[in-house]
Amino acid sequence: MPLTEDVEFLARLQKFNRVQIPVEVRCRYKLERGEILKAEVRLAGGAGFERFFARLLGDGRLTVPWEVILKLEADKQRYLLAVRLKPK
């Protein structure tokens, strides 16, 4: 079953600006390595999502572009992000 609805979750910004997609989401929608996803991120508790396309890596992570991180002013790993995946 491909991604058919919006999915939102909280994730910590990891090394190299990566975000881990929960196993439950990957299994429920059968997301596979190399799949292109439409993603939106914002600081948890903040307003306004930043949108981008991302490729799912083999370890279940997405890389958030540097431009998005700079707009959110989210440097370091201490920030919690609200991530929303949308169907294409």
C-alpha atoms as a PDB file:
ATOM      1  CA  MET A   1       0.000   0.000   0.000  1.00  0.00           C
ATOM      2  CA  PRO A   2       1.676   3.252  -1.069  1.00  0.00           C
ATOM      3  CA  LEU A   3       1.450   6.405   0.982  1.00  0.00           C
ATOM      4  CA  THR A   4      -2.215   7.406   0.630  1.00  0.00           C
ATOM      5  CA  GLU A   5      -2.633   9.949   3.423  1.00  0.00           C
ATOM      6  CA  ASP A   6      -0.633  12.552   5.301  1.00  0.00           C
ATOM      7  CA  VAL A   7       1.531  11.080   8.055  1.00  0.00           C
ATOM      8  CA  GLU A   8       2.971  13.307  10.765  1.00  0.00           C
ATOM      9  CA  PHE A   9       5.492  12.398  13.458  1.00  0.00           C
ATOM     10  CA  LEU A  10       8.168  13.953  15.641  1.00  0.00           C
ATOM     11  CA  ALA A  11      11.830  13.225  14.987  1.00  0.00           C
ATOM     12  CA  ARG A  12      15.168  14.461  16.242  1.00  0.00           C
ATOM     13  CA  LEU A  13      17.486  16.136  13.765  1.00  0.00           C
ATOM     14  CA  GLN A  14      20.416  13.732  13.475  1.00  0.00           C
ATOM     15  CA  LYS A  15      23.933  13.894  12.112  1.00  0.00           C
ATOM     16  CA  PHE A  16      24.217  15.101   8.491  1.00  0.00           C
ATOM     17  CA  ASN A  17      20.709  16.660   8.737  1.00  0.00           C
ATOM     18  CA  ARG A  18      18.952  13.326   8.676  1.00  0.00           C
ATOM     19  CA  VAL A  19      15.584  12.397  10.126  1.00  0.00           C
ATOM     20  CA  GLN A  20      14.576   8.821  11.010  1.00  0.00           C
ATOM     21  CA  ILE A  21      11.175   7.661   9.769  1.00  0.00           C
ATOM     22  CA  PRO A  22       9.506   5.435  12.396  1.00  0.00           C
ATOM     23  CA  VAL A  23       9.404   1.719  11.640  1.00  0.00           C
ATOM     24  CA  GLU A  24       5.606   1.703  12.026  1.00  0.00           C
ATOM     25  CA  VAL A  25       5.227   4.233   9.202  1.00  0.00           C
ATOM     26  CA  ARG A  26       7.706   2.434   6.929  1.00  0.00           C
ATOM     27  CA  CYS A  27       6.013  -0.927   7.455  1.00  0.00           C
ATOM     28  CA  ARG A  28       2.419   0.290   7.282  1.00  0.00           C
ATOM     29  CA  TYR A  29       2.932   2.008   3.916  1.00  0.00           C
ATOM     30  CA  LYS A  30       5.630  -0.389   2.668  1.00  0.00           C
ATOM     31  CA  LEU A  31       8.099   2.409   1.993  1.00  0.00           C
ATOM     32  CA  GLU A  32      11.176   1.139   0.213  1.00  0.00           C
ATOM     33  CA  ARG A  33      14.733   2.296  -0.263  1.00  0.00           C
ATOM     34  CA  GLY A  34      15.142   4.897  -3.004  1.00  0.00           C
ATOM     35  CA  GLU A  35      11.502   5.975  -2.951  1.00  0.00           C
ATOM     36  CA  ILE A  36      10.905   9.697  -3.542  1.00  0.00           C
ATOM     37  CA  LEU A  37       8.693  11.304  -0.890  1.00  0.00           C
ATOM     38  CA  LYS A  38       7.138  14.739  -0.550  1.00  0.00           C
ATOM     39  CA  ALA A  39       8.134  15.958   2.917  1.00  0.00           C
ATOM     40  CA  GLU A  40       7.458  18.975   5.099  1.00  0.00           C
ATOM     41  CA  VAL A  41       9.303  19.865   8.306  1.00  0.00           C
ATOM     42  CA  ARG A  42       8.976  22.496  11.010  1.00  0.00           C
ATOM     43  CA  LEU A  43      10.372  22.978  14.482  1.00  0.00           C
ATOM     44  CA  ALA A  44       8.153  21.215  17.011  1.00  0.00           C
ATOM     45  CA  GLY A  45       5.836  23.843  18.436  1.00  0.00           C
ATOM     46  CA  GLY A  46       6.665  26.259  15.634  1.00  0.00           C
ATOM     47  CA  ALA A  47       4.565  27.491  12.765  1.00  0.00           C
ATOM     48  CA  GLY A  48       4.953  27.099   9.014  1.00  0.00           C
ATOM     49  CA  PHE A  49       6.228  23.999   7.262  1.00  0.00           C
ATOM     50  CA  GLU A  50       9.152  23.990   4.816  1.00  0.00           C
ATOM     51  CA  ARG A  51       8.500  21.664   1.865  1.00  0.00           C
ATOM     52  CA  PHE A  52      10.942  19.548  -0.136  1.00  0.00           C
ATOM     53  CA  PHE A  53      11.292  16.228  -1.949  1.00  0.00           C
ATOM     54  CA  ALA A  54      13.510  13.567  -0.391  1.00  0.00           C
ATOM     55  CA  ARG A  55      14.744  10.117  -1.275  1.00  0.00           C
ATOM     56  CA  LEU A  56      14.366   7.410   1.358  1.00  0.00           C
ATOM     57  CA  LEU A  57      17.764   6.037   2.320  1.00  0.00           C
ATOM     58  CA  GLY A  58      18.414   2.368   3.017  1.00  0.00           C
ATOM     59  CA  ASP A  59      18.441   2.881   6.788  1.00  0.00           C
ATOM     60  CA  GLY A  60      14.986   4.519   6.816  1.00  0.00           C
ATOM     61  CA  ARG A  61      16.167   8.112   6.992  1.00  0.00           C
ATOM     62  CA  LEU A  62      15.527  11.253   4.954  1.00  0.00           C
ATOM     63  CA  THR A  63      18.084  13.988   4.439  1.00  0.00           C
ATOM     64  CA  VAL A  64      16.765  17.474   5.101  1.00  0.00           C
ATOM     65  CA  PRO A  65      18.383  20.014   2.725  1.00  0.00           C
ATOM     66  CA  TRP A  66      20.713  22.632   4.231  1.00  0.00           C
ATOM     67  CA  GLU A  67      18.549  25.438   2.889  1.00  0.00           C
ATOM     68  CA  VAL A  68      15.575  24.153   4.884  1.00  0.00           C
ATOM     69  CA  ILE A  69      17.674  23.826   8.048  1.00  0.00           C
ATOM     70  CA  LEU A  70      18.909  27.406   7.652  1.00  0.00           C
ATOM     71  CA  LYS A  71      15.356  28.717   7.151  1.00  0.00           C
ATOM     72  CA  LEU A  72      14.221  26.882  10.281  1.00  0.00           C
ATOM     73  CA  GLU A  73      17.352  28.012  12.148  1.00  0.00           C
ATOM     74  CA  ALA A  74      17.692  24.450  13.413  1.00  0.00           C
ATOM     75  CA  ASP A  75      21.348  23.687  13.894  1.00  0.00           C
ATOM     76  CA  LYS A  76      22.689  20.861  16.056  1.00  0.00           C
ATOM     77  CA  GLN A  77      20.917  17.678  17.099  1.00  0.00           C
ATOM     78  CA  ARG A  78      19.052  19.181  20.031  1.00  0.00           C
ATOM     79  CA  TYR A  79      16.081  20.221  17.926  1.00  0.00           C
ATOM     80  CA  LEU A  80      12.910  18.216  17.615  1.00  0.00           C
ATOM     81  CA  LEU A  81      11.196  18.463  14.229  1.00  0.00           C
ATOM     82  CA  ALA A  82       7.612  17.809  13.257  1.00  0.00           C
ATOM     83  CA  VAL A  83       7.824  15.878   9.979  1.00  0.00           C
ATOM     84  CA  ARG A  84       4.893  15.384   7.608  1.00  0.00           C
ATOM     85  CA  LEU A  85       5.020  12.975   4.683  1.00  0.00           C
ATOM     86  CA  LYS A  86       2.468  13.567   1.934  1.00  0.00           C
ATOM     87  CA  PRO A  87       1.311  11.431  -0.999  1.00  0.00           C
ATOM     88  CA  LYS A  88       2.555  12.600  -4.396  1.00  0.00           C
END
